């Protein structure tokens, strides 16, 4: 999380972002040519500021325009971001000036917010649970008071800038019932999880909608 990766890599080596964009757009056009309705969404990872996402979005849009010109055809696409850095949640109103959707990477957002690493939490988690310092494993059940509040603030701020902003989460929390319920309360549009968790996620989403229907 703290390394040279995500949008940081794309800013340092813009040719990587260009290559990935070209691959996505060319693939989407090829699928469209087969008569399949395709709606690509290009997600910029590890953004923490408006300038970071603007830098990468400019490369994406410029590259996509080149491909459309070369192929003589085009299609709509969205550019958004993965909210994994706490700062991104706090300045979500700025980031939404560029981002057309937010996907909350709750695994890494949990790491960054709590300062816990998934690689070594097993060394002390049993003691934390035994002593009541933690009620649950925060990588299994979403930390509503910390990570959850960042998500709610980001959704509120992001939609204040862009009312049509689509928001969801990606990670193991997306298939955990109480976490899915929280996502419903927070106004998220979708959850994404491992395939084997999909039935549980769908059931939890339905139960949340029945308990707290939206207007």
Foldseek 3Di string as FASTA:
>chain_A
DPDCDFLNVCVVPVVVLLVVLLVVFVVCVVVVVVVDDDEAEAEGEDDQDLVSLVVSVVSNVVSQVVNCVVVVHHDHYFYAYEPQALNCLVVLLSNLVRHQEYEYAQQNNVCNFVVDDPVCCVVCVVVCCVVVVDVDDCQQAPPCVTSVVSLLSNVVSSCVNPVNYAYEYEHNLLLHLVSLLSCVVSPHDHYHYDPVSVVSNVVSNVVSCVVPPDD
